[in-house]
Amino acid sequence: MIARLQAMLFAIVALLAGTDLVWASSVHFDIDAPAYALLAAISAALAGGAFLYTRYRPDPRLAAMLSGTSFLIAMSASFSVLNFFLLTVAGPRIDLPLAAIDRAMGVDWPALMAFIAHYPAVNMIFQLVYISVLPQIALLVVALGLKGEPRRIYELCLAVSIGAAIAMTIWTIAPSFGAFSVYDLPPAVSEKLVLALDGRYAHDLVQLLAHGPGRIAPGAAKGLIGFPSYHAELALLVVWYAREIPVLRWGVLALNAMVLVATPIQGGHHVVDVVAGFAVAAAAIWLTGQARDFAGRESIALALPAQSASP
């Protein structure tokens, strides 16, 4: 089963990287090739280590940690480049309808931001938990490996990539950037807020959609997708795949509950973006389960002839 899950992850990276290379060769984009080459080299080195601990010095836990980390680096970089390319074919922006849905739910985003501006210590905590999601995924890969759950590492990686594919597909059809691209906060409010993503960044995103991606580099954008919130989705996936690690379970749940609350504030999202993140995370988990079951059935089918041939 594990070999087949690994093959699925390799196929995802190959498909993404191949798509990026073909698109980049047919349309001129300003790409920071050395930076992406460095990420590719790091990913390849980790994959080489995983191969070593799979073939020559068998250690399934270490191999899974190295392989999963290699995949996450390559997948994230490939998806990021593709997301920039998709700016050139994305549909009409839907932030105004999403803002209207928030208001219909009783959410007043400017009022929320004005409220949190009075509590700088709370806002600082929200910023820290908001930016913790990617480090949490890296630590979860290590924790699953130490617990002796290599299969769960591959499932986590598969769910993260499936969720990214779903979110990016929705965003390409109907792009959005969040509430901070709709509302301009009064200076008296914005000056009190320290945010991971602010109104200037929202303005930059709108310009990218209008005029194209410009310089494409690993640090050029901190996230393009508004609806559904990929940040919320990742937080939920961390909770799901950490649930069987007793020492982490409740702390991770509490931390990521705060991430969900912080996302409209620190990430400038509509609240409906976060709600949609639940649906995408659930779909990613279900599809990952289907892929795991398929890999398991294939493994059993391959083992049957050998068993039947035994005396």
C-alpha atoms as a PDB file:
ATOM      1  CA  MET A   1       0.000   0.000   0.000  1.00  0.00           C
ATOM      2  CA  ILE A   2       2.723   2.476   0.975  1.00  0.00           C
ATOM      3  CA  ALA A   3       4.530   1.996  -2.347  1.00  0.00           C
ATOM      4  CA  ARG A   4       1.316   2.814  -4.201  1.00  0.00           C
ATOM      5  CA  LEU A   5       0.663   5.905  -2.097  1.00  0.00           C
ATOM      6  CA  GLN A   6       4.222   7.022  -2.838  1.00  0.00           C
ATOM      7  CA  ALA A   7       3.582   6.465  -6.545  1.00  0.00           C
ATOM      8  CA  MET A   8       0.449   8.646  -6.340  1.00  0.00           C
ATOM      9  CA  LEU A   9       2.420  11.464  -4.740  1.00  0.00           C
ATOM     10  CA  PHE A  10       5.177  11.180  -7.335  1.00  0.00           C
ATOM     11  CA  ALA A  11       2.568  11.290 -10.109  1.00  0.00           C
ATOM     12  CA  ILE A  12       1.039  14.465  -8.626  1.00  0.00           C
ATOM     13  CA  VAL A  13       4.388  16.265  -8.542  1.00  0.00           C
ATOM     14  CA  ALA A  14       5.275  15.053 -12.048  1.00  0.00           C
ATOM     15  CA  LEU A  15       1.925  16.261 -13.400  1.00  0.00           C
ATOM     16  CA  LEU A  16       2.191  19.659 -11.702  1.00  0.00           C
ATOM     17  CA  ALA A  17       5.816  20.261 -12.668  1.00  0.00           C
ATOM     18  CA  GLY A  18       5.153  19.079 -16.204  1.00  0.00           C
ATOM     19  CA  THR A  19       2.178  21.407 -16.539  1.00  0.00           C
ATOM     20  CA  ASP A  20       4.246  24.330 -15.246  1.00  0.00           C
ATOM     21  CA  LEU A  21       7.108  23.605 -17.658  1.00  0.00           C
ATOM     22  CA  VAL A  22       4.845  23.236 -20.700  1.00  0.00           C
ATOM     23  CA  TRP A  23       2.922  26.426 -19.877  1.00  0.00           C
ATOM     24  CA  ALA A  24       6.109  28.371 -19.157  1.00  0.00           C
ATOM     25  CA  SER A  25       7.632  27.252 -22.467  1.00  0.00           C
ATOM     26  CA  SER A  26       4.609  28.413 -24.458  1.00  0.00           C
ATOM     27  CA  VAL A  27       4.009  31.794 -22.728  1.00  0.00           C
ATOM     28  CA  HIS A  28       6.627  34.233 -21.506  1.00  0.00           C
ATOM     29  CA  PHE A  29       6.568  34.664 -17.738  1.00  0.00           C
ATOM     30  CA  ASP A  30       9.100  36.409 -15.532  1.00  0.00           C
ATOM     31  CA  ILE A  31      10.090  33.452 -13.325  1.00  0.00           C
ATOM     32  CA  ASP A  32      12.800  33.372 -10.668  1.00  0.00           C
ATOM     33  CA  ALA A  33      14.251  30.145 -12.069  1.00  0.00           C
ATOM     34  CA  PRO A  34      17.253  29.935  -9.685  1.00  0.00           C
ATOM     35  CA  ALA A  35      14.985  30.134  -6.627  1.00  0.00           C
ATOM     36  CA  TYR A  36      12.717  27.373  -7.894  1.00  0.00           C
ATOM     37  CA  ALA A  37      15.736  25.314  -8.955  1.00  0.00           C
ATOM     38  CA  LEU A  38      17.021  25.552  -5.376  1.00  0.00           C
ATOM     39  CA  LEU A  39      13.695  24.281  -4.044  1.00  0.00           C
ATOM     40  CA  ALA A  40      13.813  21.448  -6.599  1.00  0.00           C
ATOM     41  CA  ALA A  41      17.338  20.561  -5.468  1.00  0.00           C
ATOM     42  CA  ILE A  42      16.299  20.485  -1.801  1.00  0.00           C
ATOM     43  CA  SER A  43      13.296  18.321  -2.656  1.00  0.00           C
ATOM     44  CA  ALA A  44      15.479  15.981  -4.724  1.00  0.00           C
ATOM     45  CA  ALA A  45      18.030  15.670  -1.907  1.00  0.00           C
ATOM     46  CA  LEU A  46      15.283  14.732   0.545  1.00  0.00           C
ATOM     47  CA  ALA A  47      13.861  12.248  -1.958  1.00  0.00           C
ATOM     48  CA  GLY A  48      17.337  10.747  -2.320  1.00  0.00           C
ATOM     49  CA  GLY A  49      17.532  10.325   1.435  1.00  0.00           C
ATOM     50  CA  ALA A  50      14.122   8.663   1.430  1.00  0.00           C
ATOM     51  CA  PHE A  51      15.318   6.262  -1.282  1.00  0.00           C
ATOM     52  CA  LEU A  52      18.409   5.436   0.788  1.00  0.00           C
ATOM     53  CA  TYR A  53      16.311   4.606   3.854  1.00  0.00           C
ATOM     54  CA  THR A  54      13.878   2.598   1.755  1.00  0.00           C
ATOM     55  CA  ARG A  55      16.279   0.509  -0.308  1.00  0.00           C
ATOM     56  CA  TYR A  56      19.660   0.297   1.428  1.00  0.00           C
ATOM     57  CA  ARG A  57      19.132   1.097   5.102  1.00  0.00           C
ATOM     58  CA  PRO A  58      15.471   0.244   5.641  1.00  0.00           C
ATOM     59  CA  ASP A  59      13.802   2.602   8.087  1.00  0.00           C
ATOM     60  CA  PRO A  60      10.166   3.158   7.050  1.00  0.00           C
ATOM     61  CA  ARG A  61       9.617   5.965   9.541  1.00  0.00           C
ATOM     62  CA  LEU A  62      12.603   8.051   8.464  1.00  0.00           C
ATOM     63  CA  ALA A  63      11.957   7.281   4.804  1.00  0.00           C
ATOM     64  CA  ALA A  64       8.377   8.520   5.158  1.00  0.00           C
ATOM     65  CA  MET A  65       9.448  11.723   6.928  1.00  0.00           C
ATOM     66  CA  LEU A  66      12.006  12.512   4.238  1.00  0.00           C
ATOM     67  CA  SER A  67       9.698  11.526   1.391  1.00  0.00           C
ATOM     68  CA  GLY A  68       6.758  13.493   2.783  1.00  0.00           C
ATOM     69  CA  THR A  69       8.863  16.610   3.299  1.00  0.00           C
ATOM     70  CA  SER A  70      10.288  16.284  -0.211  1.00  0.00           C
ATOM     71  CA  PHE A  71       6.789  16.011  -1.632  1.00  0.00           C
ATOM     72  CA  LEU A  72       5.411  18.986   0.298  1.00  0.00           C
ATOM     73  CA  ILE A  73       8.231  21.245  -0.900  1.00  0.00           C
ATOM     74  CA  ALA A  74       7.887  20.180  -4.546  1.00  0.00           C
ATOM     75  CA  MET A  75       4.085  20.206  -4.504  1.00  0.00           C
ATOM     76  CA  SER A  76       3.845  23.622  -2.844  1.00  0.00           C
ATOM     77  CA  ALA A  77       6.292  25.203  -5.290  1.00  0.00           C
ATOM     78  CA  SER A  78       4.597  23.630  -8.323  1.00  0.00           C
ATOM     79  CA  PHE A  79       1.115  24.630  -7.185  1.00  0.00           C
ATOM     80  CA  SER A  80       2.319  28.161  -6.417  1.00  0.00           C
ATOM     81  CA  VAL A  81       3.710  28.615  -9.926  1.00  0.00           C
ATOM     82  CA  LEU A  82       0.554  27.166 -11.446  1.00  0.00           C
ATOM     83  CA  ASN A  83      -1.574  29.507  -9.340  1.00  0.00           C
ATOM     84  CA  PHE A  84       0.312  32.487 -10.795  1.00  0.00           C
ATOM     85  CA  PHE A  85      -0.205  31.161 -14.320  1.00  0.00           C
ATOM     86  CA  LEU A  86      -3.932  30.722 -13.663  1.00  0.00           C
ATOM     87  CA  LEU A  87      -4.242  34.463 -13.027  1.00  0.00           C
ATOM     88  CA  THR A  88      -4.128  34.823 -16.814  1.00  0.00           C
ATOM     89  CA  VAL A  89      -7.204  32.626 -17.385  1.00  0.00           C
ATOM     90  CA  ALA A  90      -9.207  33.176 -14.170  1.00  0.00           C
ATOM     91  CA  GLY A  91     -12.871  34.109 -14.365  1.00  0.00           C
ATOM     92  CA  PRO A  92     -14.627  37.183 -12.938  1.00  0.00           C
ATOM     93  CA  ARG A  93     -13.875  38.113  -9.332  1.00  0.00           C
ATOM     94  CA  ILE A  94     -16.611  37.302  -6.785  1.00  0.00           C
ATOM     95  CA  ASP A  95     -15.528  39.223  -3.681  1.00  0.00           C
ATOM     96  CA  LEU A  96     -18.571  41.509  -3.689  1.00  0.00           C
ATOM     97  CA  PRO A  97     -21.071  38.601  -3.640  1.00  0.00           C
ATOM     98  CA  LEU A  98     -19.015  36.894  -0.926  1.00  0.00           C
ATOM     99  CA  ALA A  99     -19.037  40.085   1.151  1.00  0.00           C
ATOM    100  CA  ALA A 100     -22.827  40.211   0.705  1.00  0.00           C
ATOM    101  CA  ILE A 101     -23.106  36.619   1.977  1.00  0.00           C
ATOM    102  CA  ASP A 102     -21.076  37.576   5.042  1.00  0.00           C
ATOM    103  CA  ARG A 103     -23.378  40.511   5.738  1.00  0.00           C
ATOM    104  CA  ALA A 104     -26.418  38.246   5.308  1.00  0.00           C
ATOM    105  CA  MET A 105     -24.887  35.992   7.989  1.00  0.00           C
ATOM    106  CA  GLY A 106     -24.571  39.013  10.270  1.00  0.00           C
ATOM    107  CA  VAL A 107     -20.825  39.493   9.778  1.00  0.00           C
ATOM    108  CA  ASP A 108     -19.586  43.085   9.564  1.00  0.00           C
ATOM    109  CA  TRP A 109     -15.897  42.721   8.662  1.00  0.00           C
ATOM    110  CA  PRO A 110     -14.912  46.394   9.151  1.00  0.00           C
ATOM    111  CA  ALA A 111     -16.600  46.358  12.557  1.00  0.00           C
ATOM    112  CA  LEU A 112     -14.753  43.139  13.434  1.00  0.00           C
ATOM    113  CA  MET A 113     -11.429  44.742  12.542  1.00  0.00           C
ATOM    114  CA  ALA A 114     -12.298  47.903  14.494  1.00  0.00           C
ATOM    115  CA  PHE A 115     -13.118  45.726  17.503  1.00  0.00           C
ATOM    116  CA  ILE A 116      -9.889  43.711  17.405  1.00  0.00           C
ATOM    117  CA  ALA A 117      -7.869  46.925  16.991  1.00  0.00           C
ATOM    118  CA  HIS A 118      -8.700  47.678  20.647  1.00  0.00           C
ATOM    119  CA  TYR A 119      -6.988  44.449  21.761  1.00  0.00           C
ATOM    120  CA  PRO A 120      -3.425  44.460  20.364  1.00  0.00           C
ATOM    121  CA  ALA A 121      -2.266  41.586  22.596  1.00  0.00           C
ATOM    122  CA  VAL A 122      -5.071  39.342  21.334  1.00  0.00           C
ATOM    123  CA  ASN A 123      -4.355  40.399  17.782  1.00  0.00           C
ATOM    124  CA  MET A 124      -0.670  39.514  18.225  1.00  0.00           C
ATOM    125  CA  ILE A 125      -1.663  36.042  19.421  1.00  0.00           C
ATOM    126  CA  PHE A 126      -3.914  35.698  16.374  1.00  0.00           C
ATOM    127  CA  GLN A 127      -0.992  36.609  14.122  1.00  0.00           C
ATOM    128  CA  LEU A 128       1.225  33.972  15.711  1.00  0.00           C
ATOM    129  CA  VAL A 129      -1.363  31.219  15.430  1.00  0.00           C
ATOM    130  CA  TYR A 130      -2.237  32.242  11.862  1.00  0.00           C
ATOM    131  CA  ILE A 131       1.350  31.858  10.651  1.00  0.00           C
ATOM    132  CA  SER A 132       1.761  28.588  12.572  1.00  0.00           C
ATOM    133  CA  VAL A 133      -0.099  26.394  10.070  1.00  0.00           C
ATOM    134  CA  LEU A 134       2.786  25.515   7.742  1.00  0.00           C
ATOM    135  CA  PRO A 135       5.195  24.815  10.639  1.00  0.00           C
ATOM    136  CA  GLN A 136       2.460  22.660  12.166  1.00  0.00           C
ATOM    137  CA  ILE A 137       2.340  20.516   9.027  1.00  0.00           C
ATOM    138  CA  ALA A 138       6.115  20.063   9.107  1.00  0.00           C
ATOM    139  CA  LEU A 139       6.030  19.103  12.791  1.00  0.00           C
ATOM    140  CA  LEU A 140       3.103  16.749  12.204  1.00  0.00           C
ATOM    141  CA  VAL A 141       5.102  14.882   9.555  1.00  0.00           C
ATOM    142  CA  VAL A 142       7.851  14.366  12.145  1.00  0.00           C
ATOM    143  CA  ALA A 143       5.368  13.386  14.875  1.00  0.00           C
ATOM    144  CA  LEU A 144       3.654  10.810  12.654  1.00  0.00           C
ATOM    145  CA  GLY A 145       7.030   9.370  11.733  1.00  0.00           C
ATOM    146  CA  LEU A 146       8.161   9.104  15.348  1.00  0.00           C
ATOM    147  CA  LYS A 147       4.851   7.452  16.233  1.00  0.00           C
ATOM    148  CA  GLY A 148       5.504   4.826  13.573  1.00  0.00           C
ATOM    149  CA  GLU A 149       2.732   5.938  11.207  1.00  0.00           C
ATOM    150  CA  PRO A 150       4.449   6.253   7.792  1.00  0.00           C
ATOM    151  CA  ARG A 151       1.186   5.558   5.951  1.00  0.00           C
ATOM    152  CA  ARG A 152      -0.466   8.499   7.698  1.00  0.00           C
ATOM    153  CA  ILE A 153       2.326  10.785   6.477  1.00  0.00           C
ATOM    154  CA  TYR A 154       1.553   9.851   2.882  1.00  0.00           C
ATOM    155  CA  GLU A 155      -2.172  10.283   3.502  1.00  0.00           C
ATOM    156  CA  LEU A 156      -1.582  13.748   4.983  1.00  0.00           C
ATOM    157  CA  CYS A 157       0.485  14.736   1.935  1.00  0.00           C
ATOM    158  CA  LEU A 158      -2.162  13.401  -0.422  1.00  0.00           C
ATOM    159  CA  ALA A 159      -4.961  15.250   1.408  1.00  0.00           C
ATOM    160  CA  VAL A 160      -2.998  18.519   1.341  1.00  0.00           C
ATOM    161  CA  SER A 161      -2.479  18.235  -2.420  1.00  0.00           C
ATOM    162  CA  ILE A 162      -6.070  17.200  -3.148  1.00  0.00           C
ATOM    163  CA  GLY A 163      -7.351  20.120  -1.091  1.00  0.00           C
ATOM    164  CA  ALA A 164      -5.052  22.478  -2.977  1.00  0.00           C
ATOM    165  CA  ALA A 165      -6.322  21.165  -6.308  1.00  0.00           C
ATOM    166  CA  ILE A 166      -9.966  21.633  -5.280  1.00  0.00           C
ATOM    167  CA  ALA A 167      -9.407  25.130  -3.880  1.00  0.00           C
ATOM    168  CA  MET A 168      -7.407  26.231  -6.918  1.00  0.00           C
ATOM    169  CA  THR A 169     -10.014  24.897  -9.345  1.00  0.00           C
ATOM    170  CA  ILE A 170     -12.806  26.799  -7.594  1.00  0.00           C
ATOM    171  CA  TRP A 171     -10.657  29.929  -7.404  1.00  0.00           C
ATOM    172  CA  THR A 172      -9.769  29.793 -11.109  1.00  0.00           C
ATOM    173  CA  ILE A 173     -13.433  29.660 -12.100  1.00  0.00           C
ATOM    174  CA  ALA A 174     -14.433  32.406  -9.647  1.00  0.00           C
ATOM    175  CA  PRO A 175     -11.399  34.167  -8.140  1.00  0.00           C
ATOM    176  CA  SER A 176     -11.555  36.074  -4.894  1.00  0.00           C
ATOM    177  CA  PHE A 177      -9.042  37.621  -2.513  1.00  0.00           C
ATOM    178  CA  GLY A 178     -10.965  38.228   0.683  1.00  0.00           C
ATOM    179  CA  ALA A 179     -12.784  40.913   2.627  1.00  0.00           C
ATOM    180  CA  PHE A 180      -9.700  43.120   2.779  1.00  0.00           C
ATOM    181  CA  SER A 181      -9.935  43.522  -1.010  1.00  0.00           C
ATOM    182  CA  VAL A 182     -13.479  44.925  -0.642  1.00  0.00           C
ATOM    183  CA  TYR A 183     -13.256  47.243   2.347  1.00  0.00           C
ATOM    184  CA  ASP A 184     -10.808  50.053   3.113  1.00  0.00           C
ATOM    185  CA  LEU A 185     -10.271  50.376   6.838  1.00  0.00           C
ATOM    186  CA  PRO A 186     -10.114  53.878   8.337  1.00  0.00           C
ATOM    187  CA  PRO A 187      -6.553  54.986   9.181  1.00  0.00           C
ATOM    188  CA  ALA A 188      -7.499  55.155  12.863  1.00  0.00           C
ATOM    189  CA  VAL A 189      -8.188  51.417  12.722  1.00  0.00           C
ATOM    190  CA  SER A 190      -5.510  50.208  10.310  1.00  0.00           C
ATOM    191  CA  GLU A 191      -2.745  52.043  12.194  1.00  0.00           C
ATOM    192  CA  LYS A 192      -3.502  50.000  15.308  1.00  0.00           C
ATOM    193  CA  LEU A 193      -3.445  46.641  13.540  1.00  0.00           C
ATOM    194  CA  VAL A 194      -0.404  44.447  12.991  1.00  0.00           C
ATOM    195  CA  LEU A 195      -1.468  41.943  10.356  1.00  0.00           C
ATOM    196  CA  ALA A 196       0.083  39.036   8.473  1.00  0.00           C
ATOM    197  CA  LEU A 197      -1.760  40.288   5.357  1.00  0.00           C
ATOM    198  CA  ASP A 198      -3.015  43.854   5.088  1.00  0.00           C
ATOM    199  CA  GLY A 199      -4.868  46.158   2.716  1.00  0.00           C
ATOM    200  CA  ARG A 200      -1.765  46.931   0.666  1.00  0.00           C
ATOM    201  CA  TYR A 201      -1.349  43.263  -0.074  1.00  0.00           C
ATOM    202  CA  ALA A 202      -5.024  43.040  -1.049  1.00  0.00           C
ATOM    203  CA  HIS A 203      -4.505  45.889  -3.511  1.00  0.00           C
ATOM    204  CA  ASP A 204      -1.514  44.056  -4.972  1.00  0.00           C
ATOM    205  CA  LEU A 205      -3.616  40.921  -5.484  1.00  0.00           C
ATOM    206  CA  VAL A 206      -6.296  42.838  -7.359  1.00  0.00           C
ATOM    207  CA  GLN A 207      -3.608  44.318  -9.583  1.00  0.00           C
ATOM    208  CA  LEU A 208      -2.196  40.851 -10.291  1.00  0.00           C
ATOM    209  CA  LEU A 209      -5.578  39.669 -11.510  1.00  0.00           C
ATOM    210  CA  ALA A 210      -5.990  42.764 -13.680  1.00  0.00           C
ATOM    211  CA  HIS A 211      -2.500  42.937 -15.179  1.00  0.00           C
ATOM    212  CA  GLY A 212      -0.948  39.487 -14.866  1.00  0.00           C
ATOM    213  CA  PRO A 213       1.412  37.797 -12.441  1.00  0.00           C
ATOM    214  CA  GLY A 214       4.526  39.930 -12.956  1.00  0.00           C
ATOM    215  CA  ARG A 215       7.576  38.496 -11.214  1.00  0.00           C
ATOM    216  CA  ILE A 216       6.937  34.886 -10.174  1.00  0.00           C
ATOM    217  CA  ALA A 217       9.099  33.904  -7.223  1.00  0.00           C
ATOM    218  CA  PRO A 218       8.651  31.746  -4.109  1.00  0.00           C
ATOM    219  CA  GLY A 219       8.282  34.824  -1.900  1.00  0.00           C
ATOM    220  CA  ALA A 220       6.325  36.968  -4.358  1.00  0.00           C
ATOM    221  CA  ALA A 221       2.899  36.124  -2.939  1.00  0.00           C
ATOM    222  CA  LYS A 222       1.734  34.908   0.454  1.00  0.00           C
ATOM    223  CA  GLY A 223      -1.336  33.254  -1.017  1.00  0.00           C
ATOM    224  CA  LEU A 224      -3.705  34.152  -3.816  1.00  0.00           C
ATOM    225  CA  ILE A 225      -6.797  32.111  -3.005  1.00  0.00           C
ATOM    226  CA  GLY A 226      -9.619  33.738  -1.068  1.00  0.00           C
ATOM    227  CA  PHE A 227     -12.582  31.387  -1.461  1.00  0.00           C
ATOM    228  CA  PRO A 228     -12.374  28.687  -0.253  1.00  0.00           C
ATOM    229  CA  SER A 229      -9.796  29.441   2.414  1.00  0.00           C
ATOM    230  CA  TYR A 230      -6.855  27.102   1.873  1.00  0.00           C
ATOM    231  CA  HIS A 231      -5.423  28.300   5.179  1.00  0.00           C
ATOM    232  CA  ALA A 232      -8.534  27.125   7.026  1.00  0.00           C
ATOM    233  CA  GLU A 233      -8.482  23.874   5.101  1.00  0.00           C
ATOM    234  CA  LEU A 234      -4.872  23.166   6.108  1.00  0.00           C
ATOM    235  CA  ALA A 235      -5.678  23.895   9.759  1.00  0.00           C
ATOM    236  CA  LEU A 236      -8.518  21.370   9.633  1.00  0.00           C
ATOM    237  CA  LEU A 237      -6.323  18.745   7.972  1.00  0.00           C
ATOM    238  CA  VAL A 238      -3.741  19.152  10.723  1.00  0.00           C
ATOM    239  CA  VAL A 239      -6.450  18.552  13.326  1.00  0.00           C
ATOM    240  CA  TRP A 240      -7.699  15.466  11.477  1.00  0.00           C
ATOM    241  CA  TYR A 241      -4.326  13.792  11.020  1.00  0.00           C
ATOM    242  CA  ALA A 242      -3.119  14.656  14.537  1.00  0.00           C
ATOM    243  CA  ARG A 243      -6.206  13.233  16.202  1.00  0.00           C
ATOM    244  CA  GLU A 244      -4.616   9.803  16.903  1.00  0.00           C
ATOM    245  CA  ILE A 245      -1.536  11.278  18.607  1.00  0.00           C
ATOM    246  CA  PRO A 246      -2.683  11.697  22.234  1.00  0.00           C
ATOM    247  CA  VAL A 247       0.095  14.096  23.219  1.00  0.00           C
ATOM    248  CA  LEU A 248      -0.863  16.459  20.375  1.00  0.00           C
ATOM    249  CA  ARG A 249      -4.592  15.929  19.865  1.00  0.00           C
ATOM    250  CA  TRP A 250      -6.158  18.504  22.158  1.00  0.00           C
ATOM    251  CA  GLY A 251      -3.447  21.129  21.858  1.00  0.00           C
ATOM    252  CA  VAL A 252      -3.633  20.976  18.067  1.00  0.00           C
ATOM    253  CA  LEU A 253      -7.426  21.211  18.206  1.00  0.00           C
ATOM    254  CA  ALA A 254      -7.309  24.309  20.422  1.00  0.00           C
ATOM    255  CA  LEU A 255      -4.554  25.945  18.368  1.00  0.00           C
ATOM    256  CA  ASN A 256      -6.314  25.454  15.065  1.00  0.00           C
ATOM    257  CA  ALA A 257      -9.667  26.562  16.429  1.00  0.00           C
ATOM    258  CA  MET A 258      -7.847  29.841  17.037  1.00  0.00           C
ATOM    259  CA  VAL A 259      -6.432  29.697  13.497  1.00  0.00           C
ATOM    260  CA  LEU A 260      -9.977  29.549  12.110  1.00  0.00           C
ATOM    261  CA  VAL A 261     -10.996  32.557  14.211  1.00  0.00           C
ATOM    262  CA  ALA A 262      -7.841  34.434  13.200  1.00  0.00           C
ATOM    263  CA  THR A 263      -8.182  33.773   9.462  1.00  0.00           C
ATOM    264  CA  PRO A 264     -10.690  36.560   8.652  1.00  0.00           C
ATOM    265  CA  ILE A 265      -8.596  38.967  10.731  1.00  0.00           C
ATOM    266  CA  GLN A 266      -4.983  38.146   9.963  1.00  0.00           C
ATOM    267  CA  GLY A 267      -5.656  36.727   6.492  1.00  0.00           C
ATOM    268  CA  GLY A 268      -8.284  39.277   5.482  1.00  0.00           C
ATOM    269  CA  HIS A 269     -10.733  36.533   4.488  1.00  0.00           C
ATOM    270  CA  HIS A 270     -14.492  36.618   4.253  1.00  0.00           C
ATOM    271  CA  VAL A 271     -16.002  34.407   6.951  1.00  0.00           C
ATOM    272  CA  VAL A 272     -17.711  32.380   4.228  1.00  0.00           C
ATOM    273  CA  ASP A 273     -14.217  31.544   2.922  1.00  0.00           C
ATOM    274  CA  VAL A 274     -13.521  29.765   6.213  1.00  0.00           C
ATOM    275  CA  VAL A 275     -16.875  27.963   6.125  1.00  0.00           C
ATOM    276  CA  ALA A 276     -16.084  26.719   2.619  1.00  0.00           C
ATOM    277  CA  GLY A 277     -12.715  25.492   3.917  1.00  0.00           C
ATOM    278  CA  PHE A 278     -14.598  22.912   6.014  1.00  0.00           C
ATOM    279  CA  ALA A 279     -16.253  21.480   2.887  1.00  0.00           C
ATOM    280  CA  VAL A 280     -12.981  21.316   0.957  1.00  0.00           C
ATOM    281  CA  ALA A 281     -11.147  19.691   3.864  1.00  0.00           C
ATOM    282  CA  ALA A 282     -13.908  17.088   4.190  1.00  0.00           C
ATOM    283  CA  ALA A 283     -13.740  16.364   0.457  1.00  0.00           C
ATOM    284  CA  ALA A 284      -9.947  16.060   0.587  1.00  0.00           C
ATOM    285  CA  ILE A 285     -10.128  13.633   3.526  1.00  0.00           C
ATOM    286  CA  TRP A 286     -12.788  11.519   1.803  1.00  0.00           C
ATOM    287  CA  LEU A 287     -10.922  11.378  -1.498  1.00  0.00           C
ATOM    288  CA  THR A 288      -7.717  10.489   0.331  1.00  0.00           C
ATOM    289  CA  GLY A 289      -9.566   7.645   2.023  1.00  0.00           C
ATOM    290  CA  GLN A 290     -10.760   6.415  -1.350  1.00  0.00           C
ATOM    291  CA  ALA A 291      -7.196   6.538  -2.702  1.00  0.00           C
ATOM    292  CA  ARG A 292      -5.903   4.664   0.360  1.00  0.00           C
ATOM    293  CA  ASP A 293      -8.561   1.969  -0.001  1.00  0.00           C
ATOM    294  CA  PHE A 294      -7.770   1.631  -3.696  1.00  0.00           C
ATOM    295  CA  ALA A 295      -4.071   1.239  -2.925  1.00  0.00           C
ATOM    296  CA  GLY A 296      -4.915  -1.360  -0.281  1.00  0.00           C
ATOM    297  CA  ARG A 297      -7.137  -3.365  -2.630  1.00  0.00           C
ATOM    298  CA  GLU A 298      -4.447  -3.348  -5.299  1.00  0.00           C
ATOM    299  CA  SER A 299      -1.867  -4.541  -2.786  1.00  0.00           C
ATOM    300  CA  ILE A 300      -4.109  -7.401  -1.671  1.00  0.00           C
ATOM    301  CA  ALA A 301      -4.824  -8.397  -5.266  1.00  0.00           C
ATOM    302  CA  LEU A 302      -1.106  -8.541  -6.030  1.00  0.00           C
ATOM    303  CA  ALA A 303      -0.443 -10.684  -2.942  1.00  0.00           C
ATOM    304  CA  LEU A 304      -3.129 -13.271  -3.683  1.00  0.00           C
ATOM    305  CA  PRO A 305      -1.297 -15.153  -6.476  1.00  0.00           C
ATOM    306  CA  ALA A 306       1.781 -15.548  -4.290  1.00  0.00           C
ATOM    307  CA  GLN A 307      -0.327 -16.851  -1.407  1.00  0.00           C
ATOM    308  CA  SER A 308      -2.214 -19.299  -3.598  1.00  0.00           C
ATOM    309  CA  ALA A 309       1.062 -20.661  -4.956  1.00  0.00           C
ATOM    310  CA  SER A 310       2.312 -21.430  -1.445  1.00  0.00           C
ATOM    311  CA  PRO A 311       2.116 -25.137  -0.411  1.00  0.00           C
END
